[in-house]
Amino acid sequence: MLDPSHFITHKTNVNITGTKINIKYPIKLGRIKE
C-alpha cells in the first residue's frame, strides 16, 4: 500500500525539479515495484 503513496511523493519532487530524466527514474521504480 506504500507503493502509491511513495510514487505520489516522488512525482511531486520531480515536478519541482522539472527534470525529464528525473521523471523517467520514478516511473521505472514504480514499474519494478508493481
C-alpha atoms as a PDB file:
ATOM      1  CA  MET A   1       0.000   0.000   0.000  1.00  0.00           C
ATOM      2  CA  LEU A   2       3.041   2.261   0.398  1.00  0.00           C
ATOM      3  CA  ASP A   3       3.754   1.930  -3.340  1.00  0.00           C
ATOM      4  CA  PRO A   4       1.147   4.518  -4.439  1.00  0.00           C
ATOM      5  CA  SER A   5       1.988   6.857  -1.555  1.00  0.00           C
ATOM      6  CA  HIS A   6       5.703   6.794  -2.385  1.00  0.00           C
ATOM      7  CA  PHE A   7       5.007   7.242  -6.093  1.00  0.00           C
ATOM      8  CA  ILE A   8       2.955  10.387  -5.451  1.00  0.00           C
ATOM      9  CA  THR A   9       5.724  11.849  -3.273  1.00  0.00           C
ATOM     10  CA  HIS A  10       8.350  11.152  -5.934  1.00  0.00           C
ATOM     11  CA  LYS A  11       6.130  12.624  -8.647  1.00  0.00           C
ATOM     12  CA  THR A  12       5.809  15.875  -6.689  1.00  0.00           C
ATOM     13  CA  ASN A  13       9.573  16.088  -6.188  1.00  0.00           C
ATOM     14  CA  VAL A  14      10.126  15.563  -9.900  1.00  0.00           C
ATOM     15  CA  ASN A  15       7.630  18.294 -10.757  1.00  0.00           C
ATOM     16  CA  ILE A  16       9.541  20.746  -8.558  1.00  0.00           C
ATOM     17  CA  THR A  17      12.825  19.822 -10.224  1.00  0.00           C
ATOM     18  CA  GLY A  18      11.313  19.786 -13.723  1.00  0.00           C
ATOM     19  CA  THR A  19      13.927  17.313 -14.960  1.00  0.00           C
ATOM     20  CA  LYS A  20      12.928  14.936 -17.752  1.00  0.00           C
ATOM     21  CA  ILE A  21      15.461  12.326 -16.561  1.00  0.00           C
ATOM     22  CA  ASN A  22      14.087  12.525 -13.035  1.00  0.00           C
ATOM     23  CA  ILE A  23      10.593  11.765 -14.319  1.00  0.00           C
ATOM     24  CA  LYS A  24      11.854   8.587 -16.016  1.00  0.00           C
ATOM     25  CA  TYR A  25      13.508   7.403 -12.799  1.00  0.00           C
ATOM     26  CA  PRO A  26      10.348   7.348 -10.618  1.00  0.00           C
ATOM     27  CA  ILE A  27       8.326   5.710 -13.401  1.00  0.00           C
ATOM     28  CA  LYS A  28      10.846   2.857 -13.627  1.00  0.00           C
ATOM     29  CA  LEU A  29      10.840   2.404  -9.856  1.00  0.00           C
ATOM     30  CA  GLY A  30       7.055   2.199  -9.768  1.00  0.00           C
ATOM     31  CA  ARG A  31       7.027  -0.316 -12.614  1.00  0.00           C
ATOM     32  CA  ILE A  32       9.547  -2.589 -10.881  1.00  0.00           C
ATOM     33  CA  LYS A  33       7.640  -2.369  -7.604  1.00  0.00           C
ATOM     34  CA  GLU A  34       4.346  -3.155  -9.349  1.00  0.00           C
END
